[in-house]
Amino acid sequence: MTRNRDFKKDPSTEFKDLDDLRKHEAKDEIDALREGIEFHDHRYTDRRAQCLPQPRFTAFS
């Protein structure tokens, strides 16, 4: 699966309108976002491993 988005490093908070996405693009976007949230959620609980500032993390959770 090819993903255009990586929410692990400096994630953008700009998203395409859902009406402009094809079904497989929406699924890829959801999967990438879910993966990024899980990644940062884990890092957030371990303050030594944080890589996003608090406001950016909160925007994704």
N, C-alpha and C. Protein backbone atom coordinates (compact mmCIF):
# COMPACT_ATOMS: atom_id res chain seq x y z
N MET A 1 0.84 -1.17 0.00
CA MET A 1 0.00 0.00 0.00
C MET A 1 0.89 1.24 0.00
N THR A 2 0.61 2.16 -0.89
CA THR A 2 1.36 3.40 -0.95
C THR A 2 0.57 4.49 -0.24
N ARG A 3 1.26 5.18 0.64
CA ARG A 3 0.60 6.26 1.37
C ARG A 3 1.25 7.58 0.99
N ASN A 4 0.40 8.57 0.77
CA ASN A 4 0.90 9.90 0.48
C ASN A 4 1.17 10.69 1.74
N ARG A 5 0.60 10.26 2.87
CA ARG A 5 0.67 11.02 4.11
C ARG A 5 1.46 10.26 5.16
N ASP A 6 2.24 10.99 5.91
CA ASP A 6 2.95 10.42 7.05
C ASP A 6 2.69 11.35 8.23
N PHE A 7 1.94 10.87 9.18
CA PHE A 7 1.57 11.68 10.34
C PHE A 7 2.52 11.49 11.51
N LYS A 8 3.67 10.88 11.26
CA LYS A 8 4.62 10.63 12.34
C LYS A 8 5.60 11.79 12.52
N LYS A 9 5.99 12.44 11.45
CA LYS A 9 6.96 13.53 11.54
C LYS A 9 6.35 14.80 10.95
N ASP A 10 6.23 15.81 11.77
CA ASP A 10 5.69 17.11 11.37
C ASP A 10 4.43 16.98 10.52
N PRO A 11 3.39 16.37 11.07
CA PRO A 11 2.17 16.13 10.30
C PRO A 11 1.42 17.41 9.97
N SER A 12 0.90 17.46 8.78
CA SER A 12 0.06 18.58 8.36
C SER A 12 -1.33 18.40 8.95
N THR A 13 -1.97 19.50 9.26
CA THR A 13 -3.35 19.43 9.73
C THR A 13 -4.32 19.82 8.62
N GLU A 14 -3.82 19.90 7.41
CA GLU A 14 -4.66 20.19 6.24
C GLU A 14 -5.15 18.87 5.65
N PHE A 15 -6.46 18.77 5.45
CA PHE A 15 -7.04 17.55 4.91
C PHE A 15 -7.90 17.86 3.69
N LYS A 16 -7.93 16.93 2.74
CA LYS A 16 -8.81 17.07 1.58
C LYS A 16 -10.26 16.90 2.03
N ASP A 17 -11.16 17.49 1.30
CA ASP A 17 -12.58 17.31 1.56
C ASP A 17 -12.94 15.86 1.23
N LEU A 18 -13.72 15.24 2.08
CA LEU A 18 -14.09 13.83 1.87
C LEU A 18 -14.77 13.59 0.53
N ASP A 19 -15.50 14.58 0.04
CA ASP A 19 -16.18 14.43 -1.25
C ASP A 19 -15.19 14.36 -2.41
N ASP A 20 -13.95 14.80 -2.19
CA ASP A 20 -12.93 14.79 -3.24
C ASP A 20 -12.07 13.53 -3.22
N LEU A 21 -12.30 12.63 -2.26
CA LEU A 21 -11.50 11.41 -2.15
C LEU A 21 -12.23 10.20 -2.72
N ARG A 22 -11.48 9.36 -3.39
CA ARG A 22 -12.03 8.06 -3.78
C ARG A 22 -12.01 7.16 -2.57
N LYS A 23 -12.75 6.06 -2.63
CA LYS A 23 -12.87 5.17 -1.48
C LYS A 23 -11.50 4.68 -1.01
N HIS A 24 -10.65 4.23 -1.95
CA HIS A 24 -9.33 3.71 -1.54
C HIS A 24 -8.44 4.83 -0.99
N GLU A 25 -8.60 6.05 -1.50
CA GLU A 25 -7.82 7.18 -0.97
C GLU A 25 -8.26 7.51 0.46
N ALA A 26 -9.57 7.47 0.69
CA ALA A 26 -10.09 7.73 2.04
C ALA A 26 -9.59 6.67 3.01
N LYS A 27 -9.60 5.41 2.58
CA LYS A 27 -9.12 4.33 3.45
C LYS A 27 -7.64 4.52 3.76
N ASP A 28 -6.84 4.85 2.75
CA ASP A 28 -5.41 5.08 2.98
C ASP A 28 -5.19 6.25 3.95
N GLU A 29 -5.98 7.31 3.78
CA GLU A 29 -5.87 8.48 4.66
C GLU A 29 -6.22 8.11 6.10
N ILE A 30 -7.29 7.35 6.26
CA ILE A 30 -7.72 6.91 7.59
C ILE A 30 -6.66 6.02 8.22
N ASP A 31 -6.14 5.07 7.45
CA ASP A 31 -5.11 4.16 7.97
C ASP A 31 -3.85 4.93 8.39
N ALA A 32 -3.43 5.89 7.56
CA ALA A 32 -2.23 6.67 7.88
C ALA A 32 -2.46 7.53 9.12
N LEU A 33 -3.65 8.12 9.23
CA LEU A 33 -3.96 8.94 10.39
C LEU A 33 -4.02 8.09 11.66
N ARG A 34 -4.64 6.93 11.56
CA ARG A 34 -4.72 6.02 12.71
C ARG A 34 -3.31 5.62 13.16
N GLU A 35 -2.46 5.28 12.21
CA GLU A 35 -1.09 4.89 12.52
C GLU A 35 -0.33 6.04 13.19
N GLY A 36 -0.52 7.25 12.68
CA GLY A 36 0.13 8.42 13.26
C GLY A 36 -0.35 8.71 14.67
N ILE A 37 -1.65 8.58 14.91
CA ILE A 37 -2.20 8.81 16.25
C ILE A 37 -1.65 7.79 17.23
N GLU A 38 -1.63 6.52 16.82
CA GLU A 38 -1.09 5.47 17.70
C GLU A 38 0.39 5.73 18.01
N PHE A 39 1.14 6.14 17.01
CA PHE A 39 2.56 6.44 17.18
C PHE A 39 2.76 7.56 18.20
N HIS A 40 2.03 8.67 18.02
CA HIS A 40 2.19 9.81 18.91
C HIS A 40 1.56 9.58 20.27
N ASP A 41 0.50 8.80 20.33
CA ASP A 41 -0.11 8.46 21.61
C ASP A 41 0.90 7.70 22.47
N HIS A 42 1.58 6.75 21.86
CA HIS A 42 2.61 6.00 22.58
C HIS A 42 3.73 6.93 23.04
N ARG A 43 4.18 7.79 22.15
CA ARG A 43 5.27 8.70 22.49
C ARG A 43 4.84 9.72 23.53
N TYR A 44 3.57 10.13 23.50
CA TYR A 44 3.06 11.11 24.46
C TYR A 44 3.08 10.54 25.87
N THR A 45 2.74 9.27 26.00
CA THR A 45 2.71 8.65 27.32
C THR A 45 4.12 8.45 27.88
N ASP A 46 5.10 8.44 27.01
CA ASP A 46 6.50 8.36 27.42
C ASP A 46 7.15 9.71 27.09
N ARG A 47 7.12 10.64 28.01
CA ARG A 47 7.58 12.02 27.75
C ARG A 47 9.01 12.07 27.20
N ARG A 48 9.82 11.10 27.51
CA ARG A 48 11.19 11.09 26.99
C ARG A 48 11.21 10.88 25.49
N ALA A 49 10.14 10.33 24.94
CA ALA A 49 10.12 9.99 23.52
C ALA A 49 9.28 10.97 22.69
N GLN A 50 8.76 12.03 23.28
CA GLN A 50 7.89 12.95 22.55
C GLN A 50 8.63 13.59 21.38
N CYS A 51 7.93 13.71 20.28
CA CYS A 51 8.52 14.38 19.12
C CYS A 51 7.61 15.47 18.58
N LEU A 52 6.39 15.61 19.13
CA LEU A 52 5.49 16.69 18.74
C LEU A 52 5.18 17.54 19.97
N PRO A 53 5.10 18.86 19.81
CA PRO A 53 4.69 19.68 20.93
C PRO A 53 3.23 19.41 21.30
N GLN A 54 2.85 19.65 22.53
CA GLN A 54 1.51 19.35 23.05
C GLN A 54 0.38 19.87 22.15
N PRO A 55 0.38 21.14 21.71
CA PRO A 55 -0.76 21.61 20.89
C PRO A 55 -0.93 20.81 19.60
N ARG A 56 0.16 20.43 18.95
CA ARG A 56 0.07 19.68 17.70
C ARG A 56 -0.47 18.28 17.98
N PHE A 57 -0.02 17.65 19.08
CA PHE A 57 -0.52 16.33 19.46
C PHE A 57 -2.02 16.40 19.72
N THR A 58 -2.46 17.39 20.47
CA THR A 58 -3.86 17.53 20.83
C THR A 58 -4.73 17.70 19.59
N ALA A 59 -4.23 18.36 18.58
CA ALA A 59 -5.00 18.57 17.35
C ALA A 59 -5.32 17.25 16.66
N PHE A 60 -4.51 16.22 16.87
CA PHE A 60 -4.72 14.94 16.21
C PHE A 60 -5.46 13.94 17.07
N SER A 61 -5.65 14.21 18.34
CA SER A 61 -6.31 13.21 19.19
C SER A 61 -7.74 13.57 19.49
